[in-house]
């Protein structure tokens, strides 16, 4: 059974649903393995627990939303 693990900061329910569908669809298309056999796991980290370039993801999101 193929396993896809996606790690990220906090995601909305809609984004997670889209990721599950599209990651499964494209993986099945590329590999030829039935999409019913794919296992998808989304591992979310709190936006204050991960950082890039010395800033937390929460800080980066706040800056982008300005």
N, C-alpha and C. Protein backbone atom coordinates (compact mmCIF):
# COMPACT_ATOMS: atom_id res chain seq x y z
N UNK A 1 0.85 -1.18 0.00
CA UNK A 1 0.00 0.00 0.00
C UNK A 1 0.89 1.24 0.00
N UNK A 2 0.82 2.08 -1.04
CA UNK A 2 1.63 3.30 -1.08
C UNK A 2 1.22 4.26 0.04
N UNK A 3 2.20 4.94 0.59
CA UNK A 3 1.98 5.86 1.71
C UNK A 3 2.52 7.24 1.34
N UNK A 4 1.69 8.26 1.46
CA UNK A 4 2.10 9.64 1.21
C UNK A 4 1.98 10.39 2.52
N UNK A 5 3.08 11.00 2.97
CA UNK A 5 3.06 11.79 4.20
C UNK A 5 3.34 13.24 3.84
N UNK A 6 2.47 14.13 4.27
CA UNK A 6 2.60 15.56 3.98
C UNK A 6 2.71 16.28 5.31
N UNK A 7 3.82 17.00 5.52
CA UNK A 7 4.01 17.77 6.75
C UNK A 7 3.95 19.25 6.45
N UNK A 8 3.27 20.00 7.33
CA UNK A 8 3.15 21.44 7.10
C UNK A 8 2.71 22.14 8.38
N UNK A 9 2.58 23.44 8.26
CA UNK A 9 1.96 24.22 9.32
C UNK A 9 0.46 23.97 9.28
N UNK A 10 -0.27 24.77 10.03
CA UNK A 10 -1.72 24.59 10.13
C UNK A 10 -2.40 24.84 8.79
N UNK A 11 -3.35 23.96 8.45
CA UNK A 11 -4.08 24.04 7.19
C UNK A 11 -5.58 24.04 7.46
N UNK A 12 -6.33 24.66 6.57
CA UNK A 12 -7.78 24.63 6.70
C UNK A 12 -8.30 23.25 6.29
N UNK A 13 -9.50 22.95 6.69
CA UNK A 13 -10.15 21.68 6.34
C UNK A 13 -10.23 21.53 4.82
N UNK A 14 -10.55 22.62 4.13
CA UNK A 14 -10.69 22.59 2.68
C UNK A 14 -9.36 22.27 2.00
N UNK A 15 -8.28 22.87 2.49
CA UNK A 15 -6.96 22.62 1.91
C UNK A 15 -6.56 21.16 2.12
N UNK A 16 -6.82 20.64 3.31
CA UNK A 16 -6.48 19.23 3.58
C UNK A 16 -7.26 18.30 2.67
N UNK A 17 -8.54 18.56 2.47
CA UNK A 17 -9.36 17.72 1.58
C UNK A 17 -8.82 17.76 0.16
N UNK A 18 -8.43 18.95 -0.29
CA UNK A 18 -7.89 19.08 -1.66
C UNK A 18 -6.55 18.37 -1.79
N UNK A 19 -5.69 18.52 -0.78
CA UNK A 19 -4.40 17.82 -0.81
C UNK A 19 -4.59 16.31 -0.89
N UNK A 20 -5.47 15.78 -0.06
CA UNK A 20 -5.71 14.34 -0.06
C UNK A 20 -6.15 13.87 -1.45
N UNK A 21 -7.10 14.57 -2.02
CA UNK A 21 -7.61 14.17 -3.34
C UNK A 21 -6.55 14.30 -4.43
N UNK A 22 -5.91 15.46 -4.49
CA UNK A 22 -4.98 15.70 -5.59
C UNK A 22 -3.68 14.91 -5.46
N UNK A 23 -3.16 14.75 -4.24
CA UNK A 23 -1.97 13.92 -4.07
C UNK A 23 -2.26 12.47 -4.47
N UNK A 24 -3.42 11.99 -4.08
CA UNK A 24 -3.81 10.63 -4.44
C UNK A 24 -3.98 10.50 -5.95
N UNK A 25 -4.71 11.43 -6.55
CA UNK A 25 -4.98 11.36 -8.00
C UNK A 25 -3.69 11.38 -8.82
N UNK A 26 -2.80 12.32 -8.53
CA UNK A 26 -1.58 12.43 -9.33
C UNK A 26 -0.66 11.24 -9.10
N UNK A 27 -0.60 10.74 -7.87
CA UNK A 27 0.25 9.58 -7.59
C UNK A 27 -0.27 8.34 -8.30
N UNK A 28 -1.57 8.17 -8.31
CA UNK A 28 -2.16 7.02 -9.01
C UNK A 28 -1.91 7.13 -10.52
N UNK A 29 -2.04 8.33 -11.06
CA UNK A 29 -1.83 8.54 -12.49
C UNK A 29 -0.38 8.23 -12.88
N UNK A 30 0.56 8.72 -12.10
CA UNK A 30 1.97 8.54 -12.42
C UNK A 30 2.41 7.08 -12.24
N UNK A 31 1.96 6.43 -11.17
CA UNK A 31 2.43 5.08 -10.86
C UNK A 31 1.62 3.97 -11.51
N UNK A 32 0.37 4.29 -11.87
CA UNK A 32 -0.52 3.25 -12.39
C UNK A 32 -1.12 2.38 -11.31
N UNK A 33 -0.89 2.76 -10.05
CA UNK A 33 -1.46 2.03 -8.91
C UNK A 33 -2.84 2.60 -8.62
N UNK A 34 -3.79 1.74 -8.33
CA UNK A 34 -5.16 2.16 -8.05
C UNK A 34 -5.19 3.16 -6.89
N UNK A 35 -5.95 4.24 -7.07
CA UNK A 35 -6.00 5.27 -6.02
C UNK A 35 -6.61 4.75 -4.72
N UNK A 36 -7.38 3.68 -4.80
CA UNK A 36 -7.97 3.10 -3.60
C UNK A 36 -6.92 2.48 -2.67
N UNK A 37 -5.72 2.28 -3.18
CA UNK A 37 -4.66 1.66 -2.38
C UNK A 37 -3.76 2.68 -1.67
N UNK A 38 -3.92 3.97 -1.99
CA UNK A 38 -3.05 4.98 -1.39
C UNK A 38 -3.51 5.37 0.01
N UNK A 39 -2.54 5.49 0.90
CA UNK A 39 -2.77 5.96 2.27
C UNK A 39 -2.12 7.33 2.36
N UNK A 40 -2.88 8.35 2.76
CA UNK A 40 -2.37 9.72 2.87
C UNK A 40 -2.46 10.18 4.32
N UNK A 41 -1.36 10.74 4.80
CA UNK A 41 -1.31 11.26 6.17
C UNK A 41 -0.85 12.72 6.11
N UNK A 42 -1.60 13.59 6.79
CA UNK A 42 -1.21 15.00 6.88
C UNK A 42 -0.83 15.28 8.32
N UNK A 43 0.42 15.67 8.51
CA UNK A 43 0.95 15.94 9.84
C UNK A 43 1.13 17.45 9.98
N UNK A 44 0.23 18.07 10.73
CA UNK A 44 0.29 19.52 10.91
C UNK A 44 1.08 19.87 12.16
N UNK A 45 1.90 20.89 12.04
CA UNK A 45 2.64 21.44 13.17
C UNK A 45 2.02 22.79 13.50
N UNK A 46 1.96 23.10 14.77
CA UNK A 46 1.49 24.41 15.19
C UNK A 46 2.37 25.47 14.52
N UNK A 47 1.77 26.53 14.00
CA UNK A 47 2.50 27.56 13.27
C UNK A 47 3.56 28.26 14.13
N UNK A 48 3.48 28.13 15.45
CA UNK A 48 4.50 28.73 16.31
C UNK A 48 5.62 27.73 16.62
N UNK A 49 5.49 26.50 16.15
CA UNK A 49 6.49 25.47 16.44
C UNK A 49 7.42 25.18 15.28
N UNK A 50 7.22 25.85 14.16
CA UNK A 50 8.11 25.68 13.01
C UNK A 50 8.49 27.06 12.48
N UNK A 51 9.70 27.13 11.92
CA UNK A 51 10.20 28.43 11.48
C UNK A 51 11.04 28.29 10.22
N UNK A 52 11.11 29.41 9.49
CA UNK A 52 11.94 29.51 8.29
C UNK A 52 12.66 30.85 8.38
N UNK A 53 13.96 30.84 8.19
CA UNK A 53 14.71 32.09 8.18
C UNK A 53 14.62 32.87 9.48
N UNK A 54 14.47 32.17 10.59
CA UNK A 54 14.42 32.83 11.89
C UNK A 54 13.06 33.37 12.30
N UNK A 55 12.04 33.12 11.49
CA UNK A 55 10.69 33.59 11.81
C UNK A 55 9.75 32.39 11.84
N UNK A 56 8.82 32.40 12.79
CA UNK A 56 7.85 31.32 12.85
C UNK A 56 6.92 31.41 11.65
N UNK A 57 6.29 30.31 11.34
CA UNK A 57 5.33 30.30 10.24
C UNK A 57 4.18 31.27 10.56
N UNK A 58 3.81 31.37 11.82
CA UNK A 58 2.77 32.32 12.20
C UNK A 58 3.19 33.75 11.84
N UNK A 59 4.44 34.11 12.14
CA UNK A 59 4.92 35.45 11.80
C UNK A 59 4.93 35.66 10.29
N UNK A 60 5.37 34.66 9.55
CA UNK A 60 5.42 34.78 8.09
C UNK A 60 4.03 34.94 7.50
N UNK A 61 3.07 34.19 7.99
CA UNK A 61 1.68 34.32 7.51
C UNK A 61 1.13 35.70 7.80
N UNK A 62 1.43 36.22 8.99
CA UNK A 62 0.96 37.56 9.37
C UNK A 62 1.56 38.62 8.44
N UNK A 63 2.85 38.47 8.13
CA UNK A 63 3.50 39.42 7.23
C UNK A 63 2.92 39.38 5.82
N UNK A 64 2.59 38.18 5.35
CA UNK A 64 2.03 38.03 4.00
C UNK A 64 0.61 38.57 3.91
N UNK A 65 -0.11 38.57 5.02
CA UNK A 65 -1.50 39.01 4.98
C UNK A 65 -1.64 40.53 5.06
N UNK A 66 -0.52 41.23 5.27
CA UNK A 66 -0.58 42.71 5.37
C UNK A 66 -0.68 43.35 4.02
